[in-house]
PDB file of N, CA and C in Angstrom:
ATOM      1  N   MET A   1     -98.851 -16.520 -86.190  1.00  0.00           N
ATOM      2  CA  MET A   1     -99.965 -16.651 -85.284  1.00  0.00           C
ATOM      3  C   MET A   1    -100.100 -15.404 -84.451  1.00  0.00           C
ATOM      4  N   THR A   2    -101.281 -15.063 -84.211  1.00  0.00           N
ATOM      5  CA  THR A   2    -101.539 -13.872 -83.407  1.00  0.00           C
ATOM      6  C   THR A   2    -101.825 -14.294 -81.975  1.00  0.00           C
ATOM      7  N   ALA A   3    -101.785 -13.343 -81.112  1.00  0.00           N
ATOM      8  CA  ALA A   3    -102.060 -13.627 -79.703  1.00  0.00           C
ATOM      9  C   ALA A   3    -103.512 -14.022 -79.507  1.00  0.00           C
ATOM     10  N   HIS A   4    -104.351 -13.457 -80.372  1.00  0.00           N
ATOM     11  CA  HIS A   4    -105.772 -13.755 -80.275  1.00  0.00           C
ATOM     12  C   HIS A   4    -106.050 -15.227 -80.609  1.00  0.00           C
ATOM     13  N   SER A   5    -105.382 -15.753 -81.613  1.00  0.00           N
ATOM     14  CA  SER A   5    -105.617 -17.137 -81.993  1.00  0.00           C
ATOM     15  C   SER A   5    -105.069 -18.108 -80.952  1.00  0.00           C
ATOM     16  N   LEU A   6    -103.968 -17.751 -80.276  1.00  0.00           N
ATOM     17  CA  LEU A   6    -103.441 -18.614 -79.225  1.00  0.00           C
ATOM     18  C   LEU A   6    -104.390 -18.667 -78.028  1.00  0.00           C
ATOM     19  N   GLY A   7    -104.941 -17.543 -77.702  1.00  0.00           N
ATOM     20  CA  GLY A   7    -105.859 -17.489 -76.566  1.00  0.00           C
ATOM     21  C   GLY A   7    -107.132 -18.265 -76.825  1.00  0.00           C
ATOM     22  N   SER A   8    -107.629 -18.241 -78.028  1.00  0.00           N
ATOM     23  CA  SER A   8    -108.878 -18.925 -78.321  1.00  0.00           C
ATOM     24  C   SER A   8    -108.700 -20.435 -78.345  1.00  0.00           C
ATOM     25  N   SER A   9    -107.534 -20.917 -78.796  1.00  0.00           N
ATOM     26  CA  SER A   9    -107.341 -22.371 -78.810  1.00  0.00           C
ATOM     27  C   SER A   9    -107.192 -22.913 -77.390  1.00  0.00           C
ATOM     28  N   SER A  10    -106.538 -22.144 -76.505  1.00  0.00           N
ATOM     29  CA  SER A  10    -106.409 -22.615 -75.129  1.00  0.00           C
ATOM     30  C   SER A  10    -107.742 -22.557 -74.397  1.00  0.00           C
ATOM     31  N   SER A  11    -108.573 -21.588 -74.737  1.00  0.00           N
ATOM     32  CA  SER A  11    -109.873 -21.518 -74.076  1.00  0.00           C
ATOM     33  C   SER A  11    -110.792 -22.637 -74.551  1.00  0.00           C
ATOM     34  N   ARG A  12    -110.622 -23.072 -75.814  1.00  0.00           N
ATOM     35  CA  ARG A  12    -111.420 -24.189 -76.312  1.00  0.00           C
ATOM     36  C   ARG A  12    -111.034 -25.495 -75.617  1.00  0.00           C
ATOM     37  N   ARG A  13    -109.774 -25.640 -75.321  1.00  0.00           N
ATOM     38  CA  ARG A  13    -109.293 -26.844 -74.691  1.00  0.00           C
ATOM     39  C   ARG A  13    -109.874 -26.994 -73.270  1.00  0.00           C
ATOM     40  N   PHE A  14    -110.073 -25.904 -72.560  1.00  0.00           N
ATOM     41  CA  PHE A  14    -110.564 -25.950 -71.187  1.00  0.00           C
ATOM     42  C   PHE A  14    -112.060 -25.682 -71.068  1.00  0.00           C
ATOM     43  N   ALA A  15    -112.727 -25.441 -72.158  1.00  0.00           N
ATOM     44  CA  ALA A  15    -114.152 -25.136 -72.111  1.00  0.00           C
ATOM     45  C   ALA A  15    -114.967 -26.370 -71.728  1.00  0.00           C
ATOM     46  N   ALA A  16    -114.619 -27.532 -72.244  1.00  0.00           N
ATOM     47  CA  ALA A  16    -115.382 -28.745 -71.971  1.00  0.00           C
ATOM     48  C   ALA A  16    -115.347 -29.127 -70.493  1.00  0.00           C
ATOM     49  N   PRO A  17    -114.186 -29.146 -69.818  1.00  0.00           N
ATOM     50  CA  PRO A  17    -114.207 -29.479 -68.393  1.00  0.00           C
ATOM     51  C   PRO A  17    -114.989 -28.482 -67.559  1.00  0.00           C
ATOM     52  N   ARG A  18    -115.025 -27.236 -67.957  1.00  0.00           N
ATOM     53  CA  ARG A  18    -115.790 -26.245 -67.206  1.00  0.00           C
ATOM     54  C   ARG A  18    -117.290 -26.542 -67.288  1.00  0.00           C
ATOM     55  N   LEU A  19    -117.735 -27.109 -68.380  1.00  0.00           N
ATOM     56  CA  LEU A  19    -119.148 -27.437 -68.526  1.00  0.00           C
ATOM     57  C   LEU A  19    -119.491 -28.758 -67.846  1.00  0.00           C
ATOM     58  N   ILE A  20    -118.571 -29.685 -67.865  1.00  0.00           N
ATOM     59  CA  ILE A  20    -118.823 -31.004 -67.291  1.00  0.00           C
ATOM     60  C   ILE A  20    -118.850 -30.949 -65.764  1.00  0.00           C
ATOM     61  N   LEU A  21    -118.014 -30.136 -65.174  1.00  0.00           N
ATOM     62  CA  LEU A  21    -117.924 -30.074 -63.722  1.00  0.00           C
ATOM     63  C   LEU A  21    -119.258 -29.696 -63.061  1.00  0.00           C
ATOM     64  N   PRO A  22    -119.954 -28.638 -63.515  1.00  0.00           N
ATOM     65  CA  PRO A  22    -121.256 -28.348 -62.882  1.00  0.00           C
ATOM     66  C   PRO A  22    -122.283 -29.463 -63.086  1.00  0.00           C
ATOM     67  N   ILE A  23    -122.250 -30.109 -64.233  1.00  0.00           N
ATOM     68  CA  ILE A  23    -123.190 -31.200 -64.490  1.00  0.00           C
ATOM     69  C   ILE A  23    -122.885 -32.374 -63.551  1.00  0.00           C
ATOM     70  N   ALA A  24    -121.607 -32.707 -63.403  1.00  0.00           N
ATOM     71  CA  ALA A  24    -121.224 -33.804 -62.509  1.00  0.00           C
ATOM     72  C   ALA A  24    -121.566 -33.472 -61.060  1.00  0.00           C
ATOM     73  N   LEU A  25    -121.307 -32.233 -60.647  1.00  0.00           N
ATOM     74  CA  LEU A  25    -121.654 -31.838 -59.279  1.00  0.00           C
ATOM     75  C   LEU A  25    -123.159 -31.869 -59.062  1.00  0.00           C
ATOM     76  N   GLY A  26    -123.907 -31.485 -60.074  1.00  0.00           N
ATOM     77  CA  GLY A  26    -125.366 -31.540 -59.974  1.00  0.00           C
ATOM     78  C   GLY A  26    -125.866 -32.962 -59.822  1.00  0.00           C
ATOM     79  N   ALA A  27    -125.260 -33.898 -60.575  1.00  0.00           N
ATOM     80  CA  ALA A  27    -125.659 -35.303 -60.475  1.00  0.00           C
ATOM     81  C   ALA A  27    -125.310 -35.873 -59.106  1.00  0.00           C
ATOM     82  N   VAL A  28    -124.139 -35.510 -58.596  1.00  0.00           N
ATOM     83  CA  VAL A  28    -123.736 -35.980 -57.268  1.00  0.00           C
ATOM     84  C   VAL A  28    -124.655 -35.395 -56.202  1.00  0.00           C
ATOM     85  N   ALA A  29    -125.004 -34.122 -56.347  1.00  0.00           N
ATOM     86  CA  ALA A  29    -125.897 -33.492 -55.376  1.00  0.00           C
ATOM     87  C   ALA A  29    -127.281 -34.134 -55.413  1.00  0.00           C
ATOM     88  N   GLN A  30    -127.768 -34.422 -56.609  1.00  0.00           N
ATOM     89  CA  GLN A  30    -129.088 -35.045 -56.730  1.00  0.00           C
ATOM     90  C   GLN A  30    -129.074 -36.452 -56.133  1.00  0.00           C
ATOM     91  N   ALA A  31    -128.025 -37.218 -56.402  1.00  0.00           N
ATOM     92  CA  ALA A  31    -127.922 -38.566 -55.830  1.00  0.00           C
ATOM     93  C   ALA A  31    -127.823 -38.496 -54.311  1.00  0.00           C
ATOM     94  N   SER A  32    -127.114 -37.498 -53.803  1.00  0.00           N
ATOM     95  CA  SER A  32    -127.007 -37.330 -52.349  1.00  0.00           C
ATOM     96  C   SER A  32    -128.357 -37.006 -51.729  1.00  0.00           C
ATOM     97  N   LEU A  33    -129.117 -36.144 -52.396  1.00  0.00           N
ATOM     98  CA  LEU A  33    -130.444 -35.793 -51.878  1.00  0.00           C
ATOM     99  C   LEU A  33    -131.374 -36.997 -51.873  1.00  0.00           C
ATOM    100  N   VAL A  34    -131.296 -37.818 -52.900  1.00  0.00           N
ATOM    101  CA  VAL A  34    -132.128 -39.029 -52.953  1.00  0.00           C
ATOM    102  C   VAL A  34    -131.741 -39.977 -51.820  1.00  0.00           C
ATOM    103  N   LEU A  35    -130.442 -40.140 -51.600  1.00  0.00           N
ATOM    104  CA  LEU A  35    -129.976 -41.009 -50.514  1.00  0.00           C
ATOM    105  C   LEU A  35    -130.422 -40.481 -49.154  1.00  0.00           C
ATOM    106  N   ILE A  36    -130.334 -39.186 -48.966  1.00  0.00           N
ATOM    107  CA  ILE A  36    -130.774 -38.583 -47.702  1.00  0.00           C
ATOM    108  C   ILE A  36    -132.275 -38.787 -47.511  1.00  0.00           C
ATOM    109  N   ALA A  37    -133.040 -38.615 -48.580  1.00  0.00           N
ATOM    110  CA  ALA A  37    -134.494 -38.811 -48.484  1.00  0.00           C
ATOM    111  C   ALA A  37    -134.837 -40.248 -48.116  1.00  0.00           C
ATOM    112  N   VAL A  38    -134.123 -41.207 -48.690  1.00  0.00           N
ATOM    113  CA  VAL A  38    -134.365 -42.618 -48.373  1.00  0.00           C
ATOM    114  C   VAL A  38    -134.025 -42.900 -46.909  1.00  0.00           C
ATOM    115  N   LEU A  39    -132.903 -42.364 -46.449  1.00  0.00           N
ATOM    116  CA  LEU A  39    -132.503 -42.572 -45.052  1.00  0.00           C
ATOM    117  C   LEU A  39    -133.486 -41.917 -44.084  1.00  0.00           C
ATOM    118  N   VAL A  40    -133.972 -40.725 -44.422  1.00  0.00           N
ATOM    119  CA  VAL A  40    -134.944 -40.051 -43.560  1.00  0.00           C
ATOM    120  C   VAL A  40    -136.247 -40.846 -43.512  1.00  0.00           C
ATOM    121  N   ARG A  41    -136.688 -41.340 -44.659  1.00  0.00           N
ATOM    122  CA  ARG A  41    -137.922 -42.135 -44.709  1.00  0.00           C
ATOM    123  C   ARG A  41    -137.775 -43.403 -43.864  1.00  0.00           C
ATOM    124  N   PHE A  42    -136.625 -44.063 -43.957  1.00  0.00           N
ATOM    125  CA  PHE A  42    -136.384 -45.272 -43.163  1.00  0.00           C
ATOM    126  C   PHE A  42    -136.340 -44.941 -41.672  1.00  0.00           C
ATOM    127  N   ALA A  43    -135.688 -43.822 -41.313  1.00  0.00           N
ATOM    128  CA  ALA A  43    -135.606 -43.426 -39.905  1.00  0.00           C
ATOM    129  C   ALA A  43    -137.001 -43.126 -39.352  1.00  0.00           C
ATOM    130  N   LYS A  44    -137.842 -42.457 -40.143  1.00  0.00           N
ATOM    131  CA  LYS A  44    -139.213 -42.175 -39.707  1.00  0.00           C
ATOM    132  C   LYS A  44    -139.990 -43.467 -39.496  1.00  0.00           C
ATOM    133  N   ARG A  45    -139.764 -44.430 -40.389  1.00  0.00           N
ATOM    134  CA  ARG A  45    -140.464 -45.716 -40.270  1.00  0.00           C
ATOM    135  C   ARG A  45    -140.039 -46.459 -39.012  1.00  0.00           C
ATOM    136  N   VAL A  46    -138.755 -46.411 -38.699  1.00  0.00           N
ATOM    137  CA  VAL A  46    -138.264 -47.075 -37.491  1.00  0.00           C
ATOM    138  C   VAL A  46    -138.816 -46.388 -36.242  1.00  0.00           C
ATOM    139  N   VAL A  47    -138.817 -45.045 -36.234  1.00  0.00           N
ATOM    140  CA  VAL A  47    -139.348 -44.305 -35.080  1.00  0.00           C
ATOM    141  C   VAL A  47    -140.828 -44.615 -34.891  1.00  0.00           C
ATOM    142  N   ARG A  48    -141.588 -44.635 -35.978  1.00  0.00           N
ATOM    143  CA  ARG A  48    -143.016 -44.956 -35.894  1.00  0.00           C
ATOM    144  C   ARG A  48    -143.214 -46.384 -35.397  1.00  0.00           C
ATOM    145  N   GLY A  49    -142.341 -47.301 -35.860  1.00  0.00           N
ATOM    146  CA  GLY A  49    -142.421 -48.688 -35.403  1.00  0.00           C
ATOM    147  C   GLY A  49    -142.163 -48.815 -33.909  1.00  0.00           C
ATOM    148  N   VAL A  50    -141.183 -48.052 -33.405  1.00  0.00           N
ATOM    149  CA  VAL A  50    -140.884 -48.074 -31.962  1.00  0.00           C
ATOM    150  C   VAL A  50    -142.066 -47.531 -31.170  1.00  0.00           C
ATOM    151  N   GLN A  51    -142.661 -46.447 -31.646  1.00  0.00           N
ATOM    152  CA  GLN A  51    -143.823 -45.880 -30.949  1.00  0.00           C
ATOM    153  C   GLN A  51    -144.986 -46.857 -30.939  1.00  0.00           C
ATOM    154  N   ASN A  52    -145.226 -47.509 -32.057  1.00  0.00           N
ATOM    155  CA  ASN A  52    -146.333 -48.471 -32.130  1.00  0.00           C
ATOM    156  C   ASN A  52    -146.049 -49.711 -31.291  1.00  0.00           C
ATOM    157  N   ARG A  53    -144.786 -50.100 -31.185  1.00  0.00           N
ATOM    158  CA  ARG A  53    -144.438 -51.233 -30.328  1.00  0.00           C
ATOM    159  C   ARG A  53    -144.680 -50.893 -28.860  1.00  0.00           C
ATOM    160  N   ARG A  54    -144.423 -49.660 -28.495  1.00  0.00           N
ATOM    161  CA  ARG A  54    -144.709 -49.243 -27.112  1.00  0.00           C
ATOM    162  C   ARG A  54    -146.201 -49.319 -26.840  1.00  0.00           C
ATOM    163  N   ALA A  55    -147.002 -48.905 -27.819  1.00  0.00           N
ATOM    164  CA  ALA A  55    -148.456 -48.986 -27.658  1.00  0.00           C
ATOM    165  C   ALA A  55    -148.906 -50.444 -27.555  1.00  0.00           C
ATOM    166  N   ALA A  56    -148.301 -51.315 -28.361  1.00  0.00           N
ATOM    167  CA  ALA A  56    -148.644 -52.743 -28.298  1.00  0.00           C
ATOM    168  C   ALA A  56    -148.183 -53.355 -26.981  1.00  0.00           C
ATOM    169  N   ALA A  57    -147.094 -52.859 -26.425  1.00  0.00           N
ATOM    170  CA  ALA A  57    -146.606 -53.369 -25.141  1.00  0.00           C
ATOM    171  C   ALA A  57    -147.588 -53.040 -24.018  1.00  0.00           C
ATOM    172  N   VAL A  58    -148.279 -51.925 -24.143  1.00  0.00           N
ATOM    173  CA  VAL A  58    -149.311 -51.575 -23.147  1.00  0.00           C
ATOM    174  C   VAL A  58    -150.422 -52.615 -23.194  1.00  0.00           C
ATOM    175  N   LEU A  59    -150.765 -53.079 -24.397  1.00  0.00           N
ATOM    176  CA  LEU A  59    -151.809 -54.095 -24.525  1.00  0.00           C
ATOM    177  C   LEU A  59    -151.401 -55.407 -23.864  1.00  0.00           C
ATOM    178  N   ALA A  60    -150.116 -55.692 -23.820  1.00  0.00           N
ATOM    179  CA  ALA A  60    -149.647 -56.938 -23.213  1.00  0.00           C
ATOM    180  C   ALA A  60    -149.927 -56.974 -21.717  1.00  0.00           C
ATOM    181  N   HIS A  61    -150.130 -55.824 -21.103  1.00  0.00           N
ATOM    182  CA  HIS A  61    -150.404 -55.770 -19.660  1.00  0.00           C
ATOM    183  C   HIS A  61    -151.892 -55.857 -19.331  1.00  0.00           C
ATOM    184  N   LEU A  62    -152.739 -55.860 -20.355  1.00  0.00           N
ATOM    185  CA  LEU A  62    -154.180 -55.977 -20.109  1.00  0.00           C
ATOM    186  C   LEU A  62    -154.542 -57.441 -19.867  1.00  0.00           C
ATOM    187  N   ASP A  63    -155.612 -57.651 -19.109  1.00  0.00           N
ATOM    188  CA  ASP A  63    -156.048 -59.026 -18.895  1.00  0.00           C
ATOM    189  C   ASP A  63    -156.886 -59.505 -20.087  1.00  0.00           C
ATOM    190  N   ALA A  64    -157.212 -60.781 -20.096  1.00  0.00           N
ATOM    191  CA  ALA A  64    -157.899 -61.401 -21.239  1.00  0.00           C
ATOM    192  C   ALA A  64    -159.265 -60.773 -21.494  1.00  0.00           C
ATOM    193  N   ARG A  65    -159.976 -60.403 -20.422  1.00  0.00           N
ATOM    194  CA  ARG A  65    -161.303 -59.801 -20.585  1.00  0.00           C
ATOM    195  C   ARG A  65    -161.208 -58.442 -21.271  1.00  0.00           C
ATOM    196  N   MET A  66    -160.228 -57.660 -20.872  1.00  0.00           N
ATOM    197  CA  MET A  66    -160.057 -56.340 -21.487  1.00  0.00           C
ATOM    198  C   MET A  66    -159.640 -56.465 -22.957  1.00  0.00           C
ATOM    199  N   LEU A  67    -158.782 -57.438 -23.238  1.00  0.00           N
ATOM    200  CA  LEU A  67    -158.390 -57.659 -24.633  1.00  0.00           C
ATOM    201  C   LEU A  67    -159.591 -58.116 -25.459  1.00  0.00           C
ATOM    202  N   ALA A  68    -160.425 -58.965 -24.889  1.00  0.00           N
ATOM    203  CA  ALA A  68    -161.610 -59.440 -25.603  1.00  0.00           C
ATOM    204  C   ALA A  68    -162.573 -58.294 -25.899  1.00  0.00           C
ATOM    205  N   ASP A  69    -162.621 -57.296 -25.010  1.00  0.00           N
ATOM    206  CA  ASP A  69    -163.489 -56.142 -25.245  1.00  0.00           C
ATOM    207  C   ASP A  69    -163.092 -55.379 -26.504  1.00  0.00           C
ATOM    208  N   ILE A  70    -161.816 -55.387 -26.832  1.00  0.00           N
ATOM    209  CA  ILE A  70    -161.378 -54.687 -28.046  1.00  0.00           C
ATOM    210  C   ILE A  70    -161.168 -55.658 -29.212  1.00  0.00           C
ATOM    211  N   GLY A  71    -161.522 -56.920 -29.007  1.00  0.00           N
ATOM    212  CA  GLY A  71    -161.487 -57.895 -30.093  1.00  0.00           C
ATOM    213  C   GLY A  71    -160.152 -58.566 -30.297  1.00  0.00           C
ATOM    214  N   LEU A  72    -159.337 -58.622 -29.264  1.00  0.00           N
ATOM    215  CA  LEU A  72    -158.018 -59.234 -29.381  1.00  0.00           C
ATOM    216  C   LEU A  72    -157.831 -60.355 -28.374  1.00  0.00           C
ATOM    217  N   THR A  73    -156.831 -61.177 -28.627  1.00  0.00           N
ATOM    218  CA  THR A  73    -156.441 -62.216 -27.686  1.00  0.00           C
ATOM    219  C   THR A  73    -154.974 -62.002 -27.316  1.00  0.00           C
ATOM    220  N   ARG A  74    -154.553 -62.717 -26.301  1.00  0.00           N
ATOM    221  CA  ARG A  74    -153.150 -62.610 -25.889  1.00  0.00           C
ATOM    222  C   ARG A  74    -152.211 -63.063 -27.011  1.00  0.00           C
ATOM    223  N   SER A  75    -152.611 -64.071 -27.779  1.00  0.00           N
ATOM    224  CA  SER A  75    -151.764 -64.533 -28.885  1.00  0.00           C
ATOM    225  C   SER A  75    -151.662 -63.486 -29.999  1.00  0.00           C
ATOM    226  N   ASP A  76    -152.721 -62.692 -30.196  1.00  0.00           N
ATOM    227  CA  ASP A  76    -152.652 -61.604 -31.177  1.00  0.00           C
ATOM    228  C   ASP A  76    -151.576 -60.597 -30.790  1.00  0.00           C
ATOM    229  N   VAL A  77    -151.538 -60.244 -29.520  1.00  0.00           N
ATOM    230  CA  VAL A  77    -150.544 -59.287 -29.034  1.00  0.00           C
ATOM    231  C   VAL A  77    -149.146 -59.881 -29.150  1.00  0.00           C
ATOM    232  N   ARG A  78    -149.010 -61.157 -28.824  1.00  0.00           N
ATOM    233  CA  ARG A  78    -147.702 -61.815 -28.928  1.00  0.00           C
ATOM    234  C   ARG A  78    -147.240 -61.864 -30.386  1.00  0.00           C
ATOM    235  N   ASP A  79    -148.152 -62.219 -31.293  1.00  0.00           N
ATOM    236  CA  ASP A  79    -147.794 -62.273 -32.713  1.00  0.00           C
ATOM    237  C   ASP A  79    -147.377 -60.901 -33.235  1.00  0.00           C
ATOM    238  N   ALA A  80    -148.063 -59.876 -32.790  1.00  0.00           N
ATOM    239  CA  ALA A  80    -147.757 -58.524 -33.269  1.00  0.00           C
ATOM    240  C   ALA A  80    -146.403 -58.037 -32.767  1.00  0.00           C
ATOM    241  N   THR A  81    -146.045 -58.395 -31.551  1.00  0.00           N
ATOM    242  CA  THR A  81    -144.783 -57.902 -30.998  1.00  0.00           C
ATOM    243  C   THR A  81    -143.579 -58.728 -31.437  1.00  0.00           C
ATOM    244  N   THR A  82    -143.797 -59.899 -32.023  1.00  0.00           N
ATOM    245  CA  THR A  82    -142.667 -60.693 -32.509  1.00  0.00           C
ATOM    246  C   THR A  82    -142.343 -60.410 -33.969  1.00  0.00           C
ATOM    247  N   ALA A  83    -143.086 -59.530 -34.605  1.00  0.00           N
ATOM    248  CA  ALA A  83    -142.812 -59.152 -35.988  1.00  0.00           C
ATOM    249  C   ALA A  83    -141.508 -58.350 -36.051  1.00  0.00           C
ATOM    250  N   PRO A  84    -140.886 -58.245 -37.213  1.00  0.00           N
ATOM    251  CA  PRO A  84    -139.646 -57.460 -37.327  1.00  0.00           C
ATOM    252  C   PRO A  84    -139.847 -56.002 -36.906  1.00  0.00           C
ATOM    253  N   MET A  85    -138.764 -55.358 -36.532  1.00  0.00           N
ATOM    254  CA  MET A  85    -138.810 -53.998 -35.984  1.00  0.00           C
ATOM    255  C   MET A  85    -139.450 -52.999 -36.945  1.00  0.00           C
ATOM    256  N   TRP A  86    -139.234 -53.156 -38.230  1.00  0.00           N
ATOM    257  CA  TRP A  86    -139.759 -52.186 -39.190  1.00  0.00           C
ATOM    258  C   TRP A  86    -141.214 -52.435 -39.544  1.00  0.00           C
ATOM    259  N   ASP A  87    -141.788 -53.568 -39.137  1.00  0.00           N
ATOM    260  CA  ASP A  87    -143.214 -53.823 -39.359  1.00  0.00           C
ATOM    261  C   ASP A  87    -144.030 -53.156 -38.267  1.00  0.00           C
ATOM    262  N   ASP A  88    -145.167 -52.633 -38.649  1.00  0.00           N
ATOM    263  CA  ASP A  88    -146.051 -51.957 -37.705  1.00  0.00           C
ATOM    264  C   ASP A  88    -146.923 -53.007 -37.011  1.00  0.00           C
ATOM    265  N   PRO A  89    -146.748 -53.210 -35.708  1.00  0.00           N
ATOM    266  CA  PRO A  89    -147.538 -54.232 -35.016  1.00  0.00           C
ATOM    267  C   PRO A  89    -149.014 -53.870 -34.924  1.00  0.00           C
ATOM    268  N   THR A  90    -149.331 -52.591 -34.970  1.00  0.00           N
ATOM    269  CA  THR A  90    -150.733 -52.197 -34.851  1.00  0.00           C
ATOM    270  C   THR A  90    -151.539 -52.594 -36.087  1.00  0.00           C
ATOM    271  N   THR A  91    -150.879 -52.774 -37.218  1.00  0.00           N
ATOM    272  CA  THR A  91    -151.588 -53.213 -38.422  1.00  0.00           C
ATOM    273  C   THR A  91    -152.149 -54.615 -38.224  1.00  0.00           C
ATOM    274  N   LEU A  92    -151.329 -55.506 -37.694  1.00  0.00           N
ATOM    275  CA  LEU A  92    -151.793 -56.872 -37.426  1.00  0.00           C
ATOM    276  C   LEU A  92    -152.908 -56.879 -36.387  1.00  0.00           C
ATOM    277  N   LEU A  93    -152.753 -56.098 -35.329  1.00  0.00           N
ATOM    278  CA  LEU A  93    -153.779 -56.047 -34.277  1.00  0.00           C
ATOM    279  C   LEU A  93    -155.100 -55.510 -34.829  1.00  0.00           C
ATOM    280  N   ARG A  94    -155.019 -54.476 -35.639  1.00  0.00           N
ATOM    281  CA  ARG A  94    -156.226 -53.901 -36.233  1.00  0.00           C
ATOM    282  C   ARG A  94    -156.916 -54.909 -37.143  1.00  0.00           C
ATOM    283  N   THR A  95    -156.125 -55.640 -37.923  1.00  0.00           N
ATOM    284  CA  THR A  95    -156.685 -56.641 -38.843  1.00  0.00           C
ATOM    285  C   THR A  95    -157.377 -57.759 -38.083  1.00  0.00           C
ATOM    286  N   ARG A  96    -156.725 -58.278 -37.052  1.00  0.00           N
ATOM    287  CA  ARG A  96    -157.325 -59.377 -36.283  1.00  0.00           C
ATOM    288  C   ARG A  96    -158.614 -58.947 -35.589  1.00  0.00           C
ATOM    289  N   ALA A  97    -158.624 -57.744 -35.012  1.00  0.00           N
ATOM    290  CA  ALA A  97    -159.827 -57.264 -34.340  1.00  0.00           C
ATOM    291  C   ALA A  97    -160.959 -57.070 -35.346  1.00  0.00           C
ATOM    292  N   LEU A  98    -160.640 -56.554 -36.510  1.00  0.00           N
ATOM    293  CA  LEU A  98    -161.661 -56.343 -37.540  1.00  0.00           C
ATOM    294  C   LEU A  98    -162.208 -57.674 -38.042  1.00  0.00           C
ATOM    295  N   GLU A  99    -161.328 -58.656 -38.232  1.00  0.00           N
ATOM    296  CA  GLU A  99    -161.792 -59.977 -38.674  1.00  0.00           C
ATOM    297  C   GLU A  99    -162.764 -60.579 -37.670  1.00  0.00           C
ATOM    298  N   ARG A 100    -162.443 -60.485 -36.399  1.00  0.00           N
ATOM    299  CA  ARG A 100    -163.343 -61.040 -35.376  1.00  0.00           C
ATOM    300  C   ARG A 100    -164.672 -60.288 -35.336  1.00  0.00           C
ATOM    301  N   ARG A 101    -164.603 -58.986 -35.448  1.00  0.00           N
ATOM    302  CA  ARG A 101    -165.825 -58.182 -35.422  1.00  0.00           C
ATOM    303  C   ARG A 101    -166.718 -58.532 -36.605  1.00  0.00           C
ATOM    304  N   LEU A 102    -166.130 -58.664 -37.794  1.00  0.00           N
ATOM    305  CA  LEU A 102    -166.915 -59.019 -38.977  1.00  0.00           C
ATOM    306  C   LEU A 102    -167.494 -60.420 -38.852  1.00  0.00           C
ATOM    307  N   ARG A 103    -166.706 -61.350 -38.336  1.00  0.00           N
ATOM    308  CA  ARG A 103    -167.194 -62.718 -38.159  1.00  0.00           C
ATOM    309  C   ARG A 103    -168.362 -62.753 -37.184  1.00  0.00           C
ATOM    310  N   ARG A 104    -168.265 -62.002 -36.101  1.00  0.00           N
ATOM    311  CA  ARG A 104    -169.327 -61.985 -35.094  1.00  0.00           C
ATOM    312  C   ARG A 104    -170.604 -61.363 -35.667  1.00  0.00           C
ATOM    313  N   HIS A 105    -170.497 -60.257 -36.363  1.00  0.00           N
ATOM    314  CA  HIS A 105    -171.686 -59.603 -36.926  1.00  0.00           C
ATOM    315  C   HIS A 105    -172.292 -60.412 -38.057  1.00  0.00           C
ATOM    316  N   ARG A 106    -171.471 -61.112 -38.794  1.00  0.00           N
ATOM    317  CA  ARG A 106    -171.966 -61.935 -39.881  1.00  0.00           C
ATOM    318  C   ARG A 106    -172.845 -63.054 -39.338  1.00  0.00           C
ATOM    319  N   LEU A 107    -172.406 -63.655 -38.237  1.00  0.00           N
ATOM    320  CA  LEU A 107    -173.215 -64.712 -37.631  1.00  0.00           C
ATOM    321  C   LEU A 107    -174.485 -64.140 -37.013  1.00  0.00           C
ATOM    322  N   ASP A 108    -174.384 -62.946 -36.435  1.00  0.00           N
ATOM    323  CA  ASP A 108    -175.566 -62.326 -35.845  1.00  0.00           C
ATOM    324  C   ASP A 108    -176.610 -61.978 -36.895  1.00  0.00           C
ATOM    325  N   LEU A 109    -176.185 -61.653 -38.103  1.00  0.00           N
ATOM    326  CA  LEU A 109    -177.115 -61.283 -39.166  1.00  0.00           C
ATOM    327  C   LEU A 109    -177.680 -62.503 -39.894  1.00  0.00           C
ATOM    328  N   GLY A 110    -177.177 -63.684 -39.583  1.00  0.00           N
ATOM    329  CA  GLY A 110    -177.694 -64.896 -40.200  1.00  0.00           C
ATOM    330  C   GLY A 110    -176.931 -65.332 -41.429  1.00  0.00           C
ATOM    331  N   PHE A 111    -175.858 -64.655 -41.765  1.00  0.00           N
ATOM    332  CA  PHE A 111    -175.048 -65.076 -42.908  1.00  0.00           C
ATOM    333  C   PHE A 111    -174.090 -66.167 -42.455  1.00  0.00           C
ATOM    334  N   HIS A 112    -173.930 -67.165 -43.269  1.00  0.00           N
ATOM    335  CA  HIS A 112    -173.028 -68.264 -42.947  1.00  0.00           C
ATOM    336  C   HIS A 112    -172.144 -68.538 -44.150  1.00  0.00           C
ATOM    337  N   ASP A 113    -170.986 -69.086 -43.884  1.00  0.00           N
ATOM    338  CA  ASP A 113    -170.103 -69.493 -44.973  1.00  0.00           C
ATOM    339  C   ASP A 113    -170.698 -70.691 -45.685  1.00  0.00           C
ATOM    340  N   ARG A 114    -170.416 -70.824 -46.963  1.00  0.00           N
ATOM    341  CA  ARG A 114    -170.925 -71.965 -47.710  1.00  0.00           C
ATOM    342  C   ARG A 114    -170.333 -73.269 -47.191  1.00  0.00           C
ATOM    343  N   ALA A 115    -169.095 -73.216 -46.703  1.00  0.00           N
ATOM    344  CA  ALA A 115    -168.466 -74.438 -46.195  1.00  0.00           C
ATOM    345  C   ALA A 115    -169.173 -74.922 -44.937  1.00  0.00           C
ATOM    346  N   ASN A 116    -169.728 -73.995 -44.155  1.00  0.00           N
ATOM    347  CA  ASN A 116    -170.395 -74.371 -42.908  1.00  0.00           C
ATOM    348  C   ASN A 116    -171.871 -74.715 -43.115  1.00  0.00           C
ATOM    349  N   ARG A 117    -172.398 -74.429 -44.290  1.00  0.00           N
ATOM    350  CA  ARG A 117    -173.813 -74.649 -44.569  1.00  0.00           C
ATOM    351  C   ARG A 117    -174.090 -76.139 -44.790  1.00  0.00           C
ATOM    352  N   LYS A 118    -175.147 -76.650 -44.166  1.00  0.00           N
ATOM    353  CA  LYS A 118    -175.526 -78.049 -44.354  1.00  0.00           C
ATOM    354  C   LYS A 118    -176.469 -78.154 -45.550  1.00  0.00           C
ATOM    355  N   SER A 119    -176.172 -79.071 -46.464  1.00  0.00           N
ATOM    356  CA  SER A 119    -177.008 -79.226 -47.651  1.00  0.00           C
ATOM    357  C   SER A 119    -178.030 -80.297 -47.467  1.00  0.00           C
TER     358      SER A 119
END
């Protein structure tokens, strides 16, 4: 056996782990980045939820007349603030105000629900 043949067999034995290590590190790095992205997205959602809850808390201090001017009731504000922390309370408030506005304009335009129509 020559020295050259001994060197080549030992290099073949260690060639596979040298290739696997960068691939494994790349997979671990990619999984870490995905986990970090998920955590950042969740943290942003919680921060946005806290900010929106503060805005909804301001509405809780308004009187009934002021809430009615924007299409809300005290129970709407209470329902929105009792939702889980990660839910956006302003979504519920916006939906309720829009529903009332549409209902009011629908009646003003003369449209009625079929259930309310007398035959």
